[in-house]
Amino acid sequence: ACSLGAAHRCLQEAIQYALSPRATFGERNLAQFQNIQFEIADLAANLHCSRLMLRDAASKLDDGHAMKTMYCAMAKKKVTDLGFEICNRALQIFGGYGYLCDYEVERFVRDCRVHQILEGTNEIMNVVVSRALLDPKLNNIE
């Protein structure tokens, strides 16, 4: 959930920065460039997918689903990976300014990276998922 919050904030910041009146390459702001438009659309879609995956895993956990551990491991891996990716790609929209402490995106990129390591590395999440899928007694992904 921390990665989702950071990703959401970075996307908001990137949108505001792209819409700022600061002219680039002459008289255009960043939001007028198709590549920036596509990047923001991709980031928003990834954020939405992450939210849905996290909510689905939480629902399975609350409901006591037989494969709840596997779904939670998948969500932890994908949501933290996508959260970091969203923050990192949002930083790219800022260009060199993204690394300055004046913009919070820099901090969110650093903070999100650790989420891929804490409470079980994402590589360990792959072990949890593969064990569940390859267990002959449990091999029934829904």
Protein backbone atom coordinates (compact mmCIF):
# COMPACT_ATOMS: atom_id res chain seq x y z
CA ALA A 1 0.00 0.00 0.00
CA CYS A 2 2.93 2.37 0.66
CA SER A 3 4.15 1.84 -2.89
CA LEU A 4 0.69 2.67 -4.22
CA GLY A 5 0.55 5.91 -2.28
CA ALA A 6 3.98 6.95 -3.47
CA ALA A 7 3.17 6.01 -7.06
CA HIS A 8 -0.09 7.94 -6.92
CA ARG A 9 1.69 11.03 -5.60
CA CYS A 10 4.46 10.80 -8.21
CA LEU A 11 1.90 10.51 -10.99
CA GLN A 12 0.08 13.58 -9.66
CA GLU A 13 3.35 15.50 -9.44
CA ALA A 14 4.37 14.47 -12.97
CA ILE A 15 1.00 15.60 -14.35
CA GLN A 16 1.30 18.97 -12.60
CA TYR A 17 4.87 19.38 -13.83
CA ALA A 18 3.90 18.48 -17.41
CA LEU A 19 1.08 21.04 -17.30
CA SER A 20 3.26 23.78 -15.82
CA PRO A 21 3.77 26.83 -18.01
CA ARG A 22 7.50 26.13 -18.27
CA ALA A 23 8.25 26.09 -22.01
CA THR A 24 10.39 23.34 -23.49
CA PHE A 25 11.82 23.21 -26.99
CA GLY A 26 10.44 26.62 -27.77
CA GLU A 27 6.92 27.44 -26.71
CA ARG A 28 5.38 24.11 -25.76
CA ASN A 29 4.90 22.72 -22.26
CA LEU A 30 5.66 19.05 -21.68
CA ALA A 31 2.00 17.98 -21.74
CA GLN A 32 1.78 18.89 -25.42
CA PHE A 33 4.29 16.20 -26.40
CA GLN A 34 2.74 12.88 -27.39
CA ASN A 35 5.46 10.86 -25.68
CA ILE A 36 4.67 12.55 -22.34
CA GLN A 37 0.93 12.00 -22.92
CA PHE A 38 1.51 8.30 -23.59
CA GLU A 39 3.85 7.96 -20.61
CA ILE A 40 1.30 9.49 -18.25
CA ALA A 41 -1.43 7.25 -19.66
CA ASP A 42 0.77 4.16 -19.11
CA LEU A 43 1.60 5.22 -15.56
CA ALA A 44 -2.08 5.74 -14.75
CA ALA A 45 -2.98 2.31 -16.17
CA ASN A 46 -0.21 0.62 -14.17
CA LEU A 47 -1.36 2.39 -11.02
CA HIS A 48 -4.93 1.24 -11.57
CA CYS A 49 -3.84 -2.37 -12.20
CA SER A 50 -1.76 -2.30 -9.02
CA ARG A 51 -4.69 -1.05 -6.97
CA LEU A 52 -6.95 -3.78 -8.34
CA MET A 53 -4.40 -6.50 -7.68
CA LEU A 54 -3.81 -5.33 -4.12
CA ARG A 55 -7.53 -5.13 -3.40
CA ASP A 56 -8.09 -8.60 -4.84
CA ALA A 57 -5.34 -10.08 -2.67
CA ALA A 58 -6.71 -8.31 0.42
CA SER A 59 -10.18 -9.63 -0.36
CA LYS A 60 -8.85 -13.18 -0.71
CA LEU A 61 -7.03 -12.81 2.60
CA ASP A 62 -10.14 -11.51 4.35
CA ASP A 63 -12.26 -14.31 2.87
CA GLY A 64 -9.80 -17.02 3.91
CA HIS A 65 -9.24 -18.17 0.33
CA ALA A 66 -7.23 -21.41 0.10
CA MET A 67 -4.55 -19.70 -2.02
CA LYS A 68 -4.48 -16.41 -0.08
CA THR A 69 -0.73 -16.61 0.61
CA MET A 70 0.05 -17.00 -3.07
CA TYR A 71 -2.18 -14.09 -4.08
CA CYS A 72 -0.70 -11.86 -1.40
CA ALA A 73 2.83 -12.78 -2.54
CA MET A 74 1.92 -11.99 -6.16
CA ALA A 75 0.44 -8.66 -5.10
CA LYS A 76 3.45 -7.75 -2.96
CA LYS A 77 5.79 -8.44 -5.86
CA LYS A 78 3.84 -6.74 -8.63
CA VAL A 79 2.60 -3.76 -6.64
CA THR A 80 6.05 -2.91 -5.28
CA ASP A 81 7.68 -3.43 -8.69
CA LEU A 82 5.10 -1.28 -10.45
CA GLY A 83 5.13 1.29 -7.65
CA PHE A 84 8.87 1.75 -8.08
CA GLU A 85 8.54 1.79 -11.86
CA ILE A 86 5.81 4.45 -11.75
CA CYS A 87 7.88 6.64 -9.43
CA ASN A 88 11.01 6.15 -11.51
CA ARG A 89 9.26 6.93 -14.81
CA ALA A 90 7.53 9.94 -13.23
CA LEU A 91 10.96 11.19 -12.17
CA GLN A 92 12.06 10.87 -15.80
CA ILE A 93 9.34 13.34 -16.84
CA PHE A 94 11.03 15.90 -14.58
CA GLY A 95 14.35 15.32 -16.30
CA GLY A 96 17.35 16.49 -14.27
CA TYR A 97 15.08 18.39 -11.91
CA GLY A 98 13.66 15.09 -10.69
CA TYR A 99 16.88 14.40 -8.78
CA LEU A 100 16.70 17.64 -6.85
CA CYS A 101 15.42 17.60 -3.29
CA ASP A 102 13.15 20.49 -4.30
CA TYR A 103 10.85 17.89 -5.87
CA GLU A 104 9.43 15.09 -3.70
CA VAL A 105 9.62 12.62 -6.58
CA GLU A 106 13.29 12.08 -5.75
CA ARG A 107 12.44 10.90 -2.22
CA PHE A 108 9.58 8.67 -3.38
CA VAL A 109 11.88 6.86 -5.82
CA ARG A 110 14.34 6.13 -3.01
CA ASP A 111 11.60 5.11 -0.58
CA CYS A 112 9.80 2.85 -3.06
CA ARG A 113 12.93 0.92 -3.91
CA VAL A 114 13.15 -0.46 -0.38
CA HIS A 115 9.59 -1.83 -0.59
CA GLN A 116 10.86 -4.40 -3.07
CA ILE A 117 13.19 -5.71 -0.33
CA LEU A 118 11.33 -5.34 2.98
CA GLU A 119 9.06 -8.07 4.35
CA GLY A 120 10.47 -10.62 1.95
CA THR A 121 12.33 -9.74 -1.22
CA ASN A 122 10.41 -9.92 -4.45
CA GLU A 123 12.55 -12.89 -5.45
CA ILE A 124 11.28 -14.72 -2.36
CA MET A 125 7.72 -13.81 -3.40
CA ASN A 126 8.42 -15.71 -6.62
CA VAL A 127 9.42 -18.75 -4.54
CA VAL A 128 6.16 -18.53 -2.56
CA VAL A 129 4.08 -18.27 -5.74
CA SER A 130 5.90 -21.05 -7.59
CA ARG A 131 5.64 -23.43 -4.63
CA ALA A 132 1.89 -22.89 -4.48
CA LEU A 133 1.45 -23.34 -8.22
CA LEU A 134 3.66 -26.38 -8.47
CA ASP A 135 2.22 -28.16 -5.42
CA PRO A 136 0.10 -31.03 -6.83
CA LYS A 137 -2.36 -30.60 -3.96
CA LEU A 138 -2.89 -26.88 -4.60
CA ASN A 139 -2.35 -26.45 -8.32
CA ASN A 140 -5.62 -24.69 -9.12
CA ILE A 141 -5.19 -21.03 -9.88
CA GLU A 142 -8.46 -19.17 -10.29
